[in-house]
Amino acid sequence: MSITLINLILAAVVLILGIWAYVRKQSKAGLLVGIAFGLFAVAHLLTLLGMADTLNTLLIVIRILGYVAAMAAVYRLGTQR
C-alpha cells in the first residue's frame, strides 16, 4: 500500500468527519477542515491515477486552496468567543 493511497483514505475520512461535524453541530470550522481535506483527497487521487505530471499546475492550485481552507478554519476557531 503506497503512502499516497494512505493519505487519500485518511483525507477522505477527515472530509466525512468535517461534514458530520457541520451537520451535527453547525460547525463551519469543521466544514472548512473537511473541505480542505477533501481538496487534499482530490490531489492524492489525481496522483494515484498517474495524472500528477500533466496536471501539475492544477494540483498546486488544489493544494493551495486546501491550505487556505484549513487556515480559514483555524482562524475561525481562534476568533470565536
PDB file of N, CA and C in Angstrom:
ATOM      1  N   MET A   1       0.860  -1.179   0.000  1.00  0.00           N
ATOM      2  CA  MET A   1       0.000   0.000   0.000  1.00  0.00           C
ATOM      3  C   MET A   1       0.904   1.239   0.000  1.00  0.00           C
ATOM      4  N   SER A   2       0.655   2.164  -0.912  1.00  0.00           N
ATOM      5  CA  SER A   2       1.515   3.337  -1.037  1.00  0.00           C
ATOM      6  C   SER A   2       1.089   4.433  -0.063  1.00  0.00           C
ATOM      7  N   ILE A   3       2.020   5.319   0.229  1.00  0.00           N
ATOM      8  CA  ILE A   3       1.737   6.433   1.128  1.00  0.00           C
ATOM      9  C   ILE A   3       0.652   7.339   0.548  1.00  0.00           C
ATOM     10  N   THR A   4       0.616   7.470  -0.765  1.00  0.00           N
ATOM     11  CA  THR A   4      -0.405   8.316  -1.393  1.00  0.00           C
ATOM     12  C   THR A   4      -1.797   7.721  -1.192  1.00  0.00           C
ATOM     13  N   LEU A   5      -1.912   6.412  -1.266  1.00  0.00           N
ATOM     14  CA  LEU A   5      -3.198   5.759  -1.024  1.00  0.00           C
ATOM     15  C   LEU A   5      -3.629   5.935   0.435  1.00  0.00           C
ATOM     16  N   ILE A   6      -2.692   5.787   1.347  1.00  0.00           N
ATOM     17  CA  ILE A   6      -2.995   6.003   2.767  1.00  0.00           C
ATOM     18  C   ILE A   6      -3.444   7.442   2.991  1.00  0.00           C
ATOM     19  N   ASN A   7      -2.735   8.394   2.382  1.00  0.00           N
ATOM     20  CA  ASN A   7      -3.121   9.805   2.506  1.00  0.00           C
ATOM     21  C   ASN A   7      -4.519  10.050   1.942  1.00  0.00           C
ATOM     22  N   LEU A   8      -4.839   9.423   0.819  1.00  0.00           N
ATOM     23  CA  LEU A   8      -6.171   9.561   0.219  1.00  0.00           C
ATOM     24  C   LEU A   8      -7.251   9.055   1.177  1.00  0.00           C
ATOM     25  N   ILE A   9      -7.032   7.886   1.744  1.00  0.00           N
ATOM     26  CA  ILE A   9      -8.013   7.301   2.665  1.00  0.00           C
ATOM     27  C   ILE A   9      -8.197   8.189   3.890  1.00  0.00           C
ATOM     28  N   LEU A  10      -7.091   8.624   4.487  1.00  0.00           N
ATOM     29  CA  LEU A  10      -7.181   9.462   5.687  1.00  0.00           C
ATOM     30  C   LEU A  10      -7.827  10.813   5.387  1.00  0.00           C
ATOM     31  N   ALA A  11      -7.499  11.398   4.250  1.00  0.00           N
ATOM     32  CA  ALA A  11      -8.101  12.681   3.875  1.00  0.00           C
ATOM     33  C   ALA A  11      -9.602  12.523   3.655  1.00  0.00           C
ATOM     34  N   ALA A  12     -10.008  11.410   3.061  1.00  0.00           N
ATOM     35  CA  ALA A  12     -11.439  11.162   2.850  1.00  0.00           C
ATOM     36  C   ALA A  12     -12.163  10.993   4.184  1.00  0.00           C
ATOM     37  N   VAL A  13     -11.517  10.345   5.141  1.00  0.00           N
ATOM     38  CA  VAL A  13     -12.117  10.183   6.471  1.00  0.00           C
ATOM     39  C   VAL A  13     -12.298  11.545   7.137  1.00  0.00           C
ATOM     40  N   VAL A  14     -11.290  12.406   7.047  1.00  0.00           N
ATOM     41  CA  VAL A  14     -11.406  13.743   7.641  1.00  0.00           C
ATOM     42  C   VAL A  14     -12.494  14.548   6.933  1.00  0.00           C
ATOM     43  N   LEU A  15     -12.617  14.404   5.626  1.00  0.00           N
ATOM     44  CA  LEU A  15     -13.703  15.059   4.887  1.00  0.00           C
ATOM     45  C   LEU A  15     -15.061  14.634   5.448  1.00  0.00           C
ATOM     46  N   ILE A  16     -15.247  13.345   5.620  1.00  0.00           N
ATOM     47  CA  ILE A  16     -16.515  12.827   6.146  1.00  0.00           C
ATOM     48  C   ILE A  16     -16.762  13.343   7.562  1.00  0.00           C
ATOM     49  N   LEU A  17     -15.730  13.350   8.396  1.00  0.00           N
ATOM     50  CA  LEU A  17     -15.883  13.855   9.763  1.00  0.00           C
ATOM     51  C   LEU A  17     -16.204  15.346   9.778  1.00  0.00           C
ATOM     52  N   GLY A  18     -15.616  16.096   8.867  1.00  0.00           N
ATOM     53  CA  GLY A  18     -15.912  17.526   8.778  1.00  0.00           C
ATOM     54  C   GLY A  18     -17.358  17.783   8.401  1.00  0.00           C
ATOM     55  N   ILE A  19     -17.859  17.007   7.456  1.00  0.00           N
ATOM     56  CA  ILE A  19     -19.269  17.132   7.066  1.00  0.00           C
ATOM     57  C   ILE A  19     -20.167  16.724   8.231  1.00  0.00           C
ATOM     58  N   TRP A  20     -19.804  15.650   8.911  1.00  0.00           N
ATOM     59  CA  TRP A  20     -20.568  15.180  10.070  1.00  0.00           C
ATOM     60  C   TRP A  20     -20.611  16.251  11.158  1.00  0.00           C
ATOM     61  N   ALA A  21     -19.468  16.893  11.439  1.00  0.00           N
ATOM     62  CA  ALA A  21     -19.423  17.948  12.460  1.00  0.00           C
ATOM     63  C   ALA A  21     -20.320  19.120  12.073  1.00  0.00           C
ATOM     64  N   TYR A  22     -20.338  19.436  10.789  1.00  0.00           N
ATOM     65  CA  TYR A  22     -21.192  20.538  10.345  1.00  0.00           C
ATOM     66  C   TYR A  22     -22.674  20.180  10.492  1.00  0.00           C
ATOM     67  N   VAL A  23     -23.030  18.985  10.082  1.00  0.00           N
ATOM     68  CA  VAL A  23     -24.434  18.563  10.164  1.00  0.00           C
ATOM     69  C   VAL A  23     -24.879  18.477  11.625  1.00  0.00           C
ATOM     70  N   ARG A  24     -24.015  17.952  12.470  1.00  0.00           N
ATOM     71  CA  ARG A  24     -24.392  17.718  13.869  1.00  0.00           C
ATOM     72  C   ARG A  24     -24.376  18.984  14.707  1.00  0.00           C
ATOM     73  N   LYS A  25     -23.352  19.825  14.538  1.00  0.00           N
ATOM     74  CA  LYS A  25     -23.159  20.985  15.411  1.00  0.00           C
ATOM     75  C   LYS A  25     -23.177  22.321  14.674  1.00  0.00           C
ATOM     76  N   GLN A  26     -23.450  22.299  13.379  1.00  0.00           N
ATOM     77  CA  GLN A  26     -23.384  23.513  12.554  1.00  0.00           C
ATOM     78  C   GLN A  26     -22.006  24.179  12.656  1.00  0.00           C
ATOM     79  N   SER A  27     -20.963  23.364  12.750  1.00  0.00           N
ATOM     80  CA  SER A  27     -19.596  23.858  12.891  1.00  0.00           C
ATOM     81  C   SER A  27     -19.025  24.218  11.519  1.00  0.00           C
ATOM     82  N   LYS A  28     -18.953  25.520  11.258  1.00  0.00           N
ATOM     83  CA  LYS A  28     -18.388  25.955   9.980  1.00  0.00           C
ATOM     84  C   LYS A  28     -16.895  25.666   9.922  1.00  0.00           C
ATOM     85  N   ALA A  29     -16.229  25.741  11.074  1.00  0.00           N
ATOM     86  CA  ALA A  29     -14.804  25.407  11.102  1.00  0.00           C
ATOM     87  C   ALA A  29     -14.607  23.933  10.756  1.00  0.00           C
ATOM     88  N   GLY A  30     -15.454  23.079  11.295  1.00  0.00           N
ATOM     89  CA  GLY A  30     -15.376  21.653  10.967  1.00  0.00           C
ATOM     90  C   GLY A  30     -15.596  21.407   9.486  1.00  0.00           C
ATOM     91  N   LEU A  31     -16.556  22.132   8.926  1.00  0.00           N
ATOM     92  CA  LEU A  31     -16.819  22.004   7.489  1.00  0.00           C
ATOM     93  C   LEU A  31     -15.626  22.478   6.670  1.00  0.00           C
ATOM     94  N   LEU A  32     -15.011  23.580   7.083  1.00  0.00           N
ATOM     95  CA  LEU A  32     -13.833  24.086   6.360  1.00  0.00           C
ATOM     96  C   LEU A  32     -12.681  23.087   6.411  1.00  0.00           C
ATOM     97  N   VAL A  33     -12.489  22.454   7.559  1.00  0.00           N
ATOM     98  CA  VAL A  33     -11.446  21.424   7.661  1.00  0.00           C
ATOM     99  C   VAL A  33     -11.787  20.265   6.726  1.00  0.00           C
ATOM    100  N   GLY A  34     -13.047  19.868   6.709  1.00  0.00           N
ATOM    101  CA  GLY A  34     -13.471  18.805   5.801  1.00  0.00           C
ATOM    102  C   GLY A  34     -13.233  19.160   4.347  1.00  0.00           C
ATOM    103  N   ILE A  35     -13.564  20.390   3.981  1.00  0.00           N
ATOM    104  CA  ILE A  35     -13.339  20.846   2.605  1.00  0.00           C
ATOM    105  C   ILE A  35     -11.850  20.825   2.271  1.00  0.00           C
ATOM    106  N   ALA A  36     -11.033  21.300   3.209  1.00  0.00           N
ATOM    107  CA  ALA A  36      -9.583  21.309   2.985  1.00  0.00           C
ATOM    108  C   ALA A  36      -9.077  19.899   2.698  1.00  0.00           C
ATOM    109  N   PHE A  37      -9.477  18.962   3.535  1.00  0.00           N
ATOM    110  CA  PHE A  37      -9.001  17.597   3.344  1.00  0.00           C
ATOM    111  C   PHE A  37      -9.654  16.927   2.141  1.00  0.00           C
ATOM    112  N   GLY A  38     -10.848  17.365   1.778  1.00  0.00           N
ATOM    113  CA  GLY A  38     -11.457  16.893   0.537  1.00  0.00           C
ATOM    114  C   GLY A  38     -10.624  17.310  -0.667  1.00  0.00           C
ATOM    115  N   LEU A  39     -10.136  18.546  -0.633  1.00  0.00           N
ATOM    116  CA  LEU A  39      -9.262  19.017  -1.715  1.00  0.00           C
ATOM    117  C   LEU A  39      -7.954  18.229  -1.738  1.00  0.00           C
ATOM    118  N   PHE A  40      -7.401  17.956  -0.551  1.00  0.00           N
ATOM    119  CA  PHE A  40      -6.184  17.144  -0.497  1.00  0.00           C
ATOM    120  C   PHE A  40      -6.455  15.737  -1.040  1.00  0.00           C
ATOM    121  N   ALA A  41      -7.637  15.197  -0.752  1.00  0.00           N
ATOM    122  CA  ALA A  41      -8.000  13.869  -1.264  1.00  0.00           C
ATOM    123  C   ALA A  41      -8.050  13.869  -2.788  1.00  0.00           C
ATOM    124  N   VAL A  42      -8.593  14.937  -3.366  1.00  0.00           N
ATOM    125  CA  VAL A  42      -8.632  15.047  -4.831  1.00  0.00           C
ATOM    126  C   VAL A  42      -7.210  15.045  -5.391  1.00  0.00           C
ATOM    127  N   ALA A  43      -6.322  15.794  -4.754  1.00  0.00           N
ATOM    128  CA  ALA A  43      -4.926  15.838  -5.210  1.00  0.00           C
ATOM    129  C   ALA A  43      -4.280  14.457  -5.114  1.00  0.00           C
ATOM    130  N   HIS A  44      -4.532  13.744  -4.026  1.00  0.00           N
ATOM    131  CA  HIS A  44      -3.971  12.394  -3.876  1.00  0.00           C
ATOM    132  C   HIS A  44      -4.544  11.441  -4.926  1.00  0.00           C
ATOM    133  N   LEU A  45      -5.841  11.560  -5.193  1.00  0.00           N
ATOM    134  CA  LEU A  45      -6.471  10.699  -6.195  1.00  0.00           C
ATOM    135  C   LEU A  45      -5.879  10.942  -7.583  1.00  0.00           C
ATOM    136  N   LEU A  46      -5.713  12.204  -7.939  1.00  0.00           N
ATOM    137  CA  LEU A  46      -5.118  12.518  -9.245  1.00  0.00           C
ATOM    138  C   LEU A  46      -3.696  11.971  -9.344  1.00  0.00           C
ATOM    139  N   THR A  47      -2.965  12.023  -8.239  1.00  0.00           N
ATOM    140  CA  THR A  47      -1.610  11.470  -8.223  1.00  0.00           C
ATOM    141  C   THR A  47      -1.652   9.954  -8.412  1.00  0.00           C
ATOM    142  N   LEU A  48      -2.559   9.296  -7.703  1.00  0.00           N
ATOM    143  CA  LEU A  48      -2.678   7.839  -7.837  1.00  0.00           C
ATOM    144  C   LEU A  48      -3.086   7.420  -9.242  1.00  0.00           C
ATOM    145  N   LEU A  49      -3.868   8.252  -9.906  1.00  0.00           N
ATOM    146  CA  LEU A  49      -4.305   7.949 -11.271  1.00  0.00           C
ATOM    147  C   LEU A  49      -3.228   8.261 -12.312  1.00  0.00           C
ATOM    148  N   GLY A  50      -2.072   8.721 -11.854  1.00  0.00           N
ATOM    149  CA  GLY A  50      -0.964   8.989 -12.758  1.00  0.00           C
ATOM    150  C   GLY A  50      -1.069  10.303 -13.506  1.00  0.00           C
ATOM    151  N   MET A  51      -1.845  11.213 -12.992  1.00  0.00           N
ATOM    152  CA  MET A  51      -2.057  12.489 -13.680  1.00  0.00           C
ATOM    153  C   MET A  51      -1.244  13.632 -13.075  1.00  0.00           C
ATOM    154  N   ALA A  52      -0.383  13.334 -12.138  1.00  0.00           N
ATOM    155  CA  ALA A  52       0.355  14.381 -11.435  1.00  0.00           C
ATOM    156  C   ALA A  52       1.248  15.187 -12.378  1.00  0.00           C
ATOM    157  N   ASP A  53       1.890  14.520 -13.314  1.00  0.00           N
ATOM    158  CA  ASP A  53       2.799  15.238 -14.216  1.00  0.00           C
ATOM    159  C   ASP A  53       2.049  16.164 -15.163  1.00  0.00           C
ATOM    160  N   THR A  54       0.941  15.689 -15.712  1.00  0.00           N
ATOM    161  CA  THR A  54       0.194  16.512 -16.668  1.00  0.00           C
ATOM    162  C   THR A  54      -0.616  17.601 -15.987  1.00  0.00           C
ATOM    163  N   LEU A  55      -1.047  17.365 -14.770  1.00  0.00           N
ATOM    164  CA  LEU A  55      -1.891  18.334 -14.063  1.00  0.00           C
ATOM    165  C   LEU A  55      -1.146  19.011 -12.914  1.00  0.00           C
ATOM    166  N   ASN A  56       0.147  19.180 -13.073  1.00  0.00           N
ATOM    167  CA  ASN A  56       0.981  19.723 -12.010  1.00  0.00           C
ATOM    168  C   ASN A  56       0.474  21.079 -11.517  1.00  0.00           C
ATOM    169  N   THR A  57       0.164  21.989 -12.429  1.00  0.00           N
ATOM    170  CA  THR A  57      -0.309  23.320 -12.035  1.00  0.00           C
ATOM    171  C   THR A  57      -1.647  23.224 -11.311  1.00  0.00           C
ATOM    172  N   LEU A  58      -2.547  22.391 -11.813  1.00  0.00           N
ATOM    173  CA  LEU A  58      -3.842  22.207 -11.158  1.00  0.00           C
ATOM    174  C   LEU A  58      -3.669  21.637  -9.754  1.00  0.00           C
ATOM    175  N   LEU A  59      -2.766  20.690  -9.590  1.00  0.00           N
ATOM    176  CA  LEU A  59      -2.511  20.120  -8.268  1.00  0.00           C
ATOM    177  C   LEU A  59      -2.006  21.176  -7.297  1.00  0.00           C
ATOM    178  N   ILE A  60      -1.163  22.070  -7.778  1.00  0.00           N
ATOM    179  CA  ILE A  60      -0.669  23.155  -6.924  1.00  0.00           C
ATOM    180  C   ILE A  60      -1.827  24.037  -6.484  1.00  0.00           C
ATOM    181  N   VAL A  61      -2.704  24.386  -7.415  1.00  0.00           N
ATOM    182  CA  VAL A  61      -3.862  25.232  -7.090  1.00  0.00           C
ATOM    183  C   VAL A  61      -4.779  24.519  -6.094  1.00  0.00           C
ATOM    184  N   ILE A  62      -5.037  23.236  -6.319  1.00  0.00           N
ATOM    185  CA  ILE A  62      -5.898  22.467  -5.414  1.00  0.00           C
ATOM    186  C   ILE A  62      -5.311  22.450  -4.004  1.00  0.00           C
ATOM    187  N   ARG A  63      -4.024  22.215  -3.904  1.00  0.00           N
ATOM    188  CA  ARG A  63      -3.392  22.157  -2.578  1.00  0.00           C
ATOM    189  C   ARG A  63      -3.371  23.521  -1.904  1.00  0.00           C
ATOM    190  N   ILE A  64      -3.131  24.579  -2.676  1.00  0.00           N
ATOM    191  CA  ILE A  64      -3.172  25.929  -2.098  1.00  0.00           C
ATOM    192  C   ILE A  64      -4.566  26.217  -1.554  1.00  0.00           C
ATOM    193  N   LEU A  65      -5.600  25.883  -2.323  1.00  0.00           N
ATOM    194  CA  LEU A  65      -6.976  26.087  -1.855  1.00  0.00           C
ATOM    195  C   LEU A  65      -7.253  25.270  -0.592  1.00  0.00           C
ATOM    196  N   GLY A  66      -6.714  24.071  -0.528  1.00  0.00           N
ATOM    197  CA  GLY A  66      -6.863  23.245   0.672  1.00  0.00           C
ATOM    198  C   GLY A  66      -6.226  23.896   1.883  1.00  0.00           C
ATOM    199  N   TYR A  67      -5.023  24.417   1.707  1.00  0.00           N
ATOM    200  CA  TYR A  67      -4.350  25.084   2.825  1.00  0.00           C
ATOM    201  C   TYR A  67      -5.075  26.355   3.238  1.00  0.00           C
ATOM    202  N   VAL A  68      -5.611  27.092   2.265  1.00  0.00           N
ATOM    203  CA  VAL A  68      -6.377  28.309   2.585  1.00  0.00           C
ATOM    204  C   VAL A  68      -7.626  27.940   3.388  1.00  0.00           C
ATOM    205  N   ALA A  69      -8.303  26.870   3.006  1.00  0.00           N
ATOM    206  CA  ALA A  69      -9.486  26.429   3.752  1.00  0.00           C
ATOM    207  C   ALA A  69      -9.105  26.014   5.172  1.00  0.00           C
ATOM    208  N   ALA A  70      -7.991  25.312   5.324  1.00  0.00           N
ATOM    209  CA  ALA A  70      -7.537  24.911   6.659  1.00  0.00           C
ATOM    210  C   ALA A  70      -7.172  26.133   7.499  1.00  0.00           C
ATOM    211  N   MET A  71      -6.505  27.115   6.886  1.00  0.00           N
ATOM    212  CA  MET A  71      -6.158  28.341   7.614  1.00  0.00           C
ATOM    213  C   MET A  71      -7.411  29.099   8.031  1.00  0.00           C
ATOM    214  N   ALA A  72      -8.409  29.135   7.157  1.00  0.00           N
ATOM    215  CA  ALA A  72      -9.665  29.816   7.490  1.00  0.00           C
ATOM    216  C   ALA A  72     -10.346  29.126   8.666  1.00  0.00           C
ATOM    217  N   ALA A  73     -10.287  27.808   8.707  1.00  0.00           N
ATOM    218  CA  ALA A  73     -10.886  27.065   9.822  1.00  0.00           C
ATOM    219  C   ALA A  73     -10.182  27.389  11.131  1.00  0.00           C
ATOM    220  N   VAL A  74      -8.866  27.391  11.105  1.00  0.00           N
ATOM    221  CA  VAL A  74      -8.106  27.688  12.321  1.00  0.00           C
ATOM    222  C   VAL A  74      -8.337  29.132  12.755  1.00  0.00           C
ATOM    223  N   TYR A  75      -8.379  30.056  11.807  1.00  0.00           N
ATOM    224  CA  TYR A  75      -8.660  31.459  12.126  1.00  0.00           C
ATOM    225  C   TYR A  75     -10.042  31.583  12.758  1.00  0.00           C
ATOM    226  N   ARG A  76     -10.999  30.891  12.179  1.00  0.00           N
ATOM    227  CA  ARG A  76     -12.374  30.929  12.708  1.00  0.00           C
ATOM    228  C   ARG A  76     -12.408  30.410  14.145  1.00  0.00           C
ATOM    229  N   LEU A  77     -11.706  29.321  14.400  1.00  0.00           N
ATOM    230  CA  LEU A  77     -11.645  28.782  15.762  1.00  0.00           C
ATOM    231  C   LEU A  77     -10.951  29.755  16.714  1.00  0.00           C
ATOM    232  N   GLY A  78      -9.918  30.408  16.221  1.00  0.00           N
ATOM    233  CA  GLY A  78      -9.165  31.342  17.062  1.00  0.00           C
ATOM    234  C   GLY A  78      -9.896  32.627  17.375  1.00  0.00           C
ATOM    235  N   THR A  79     -10.870  32.986  16.554  1.00  0.00           N
ATOM    236  CA  THR A  79     -11.580  34.247  16.776  1.00  0.00           C
ATOM    237  C   THR A  79     -12.966  34.047  17.380  1.00  0.00           C
ATOM    238  N   GLN A  80     -13.329  32.794  17.668  1.00  0.00           N
ATOM    239  CA  GLN A  80     -14.623  32.550  18.311  1.00  0.00           C
ATOM    240  C   GLN A  80     -14.584  33.029  19.753  1.00  0.00           C
ATOM    241  N   ARG A  81     -15.731  33.445  20.228  1.00  0.00           N
ATOM    242  CA  ARG A  81     -15.804  33.892  21.632  1.00  0.00           C
ATOM    243  C   ARG A  81     -16.175  32.756  22.537  1.00  0.00           C
TER     244      ARG A  81
END
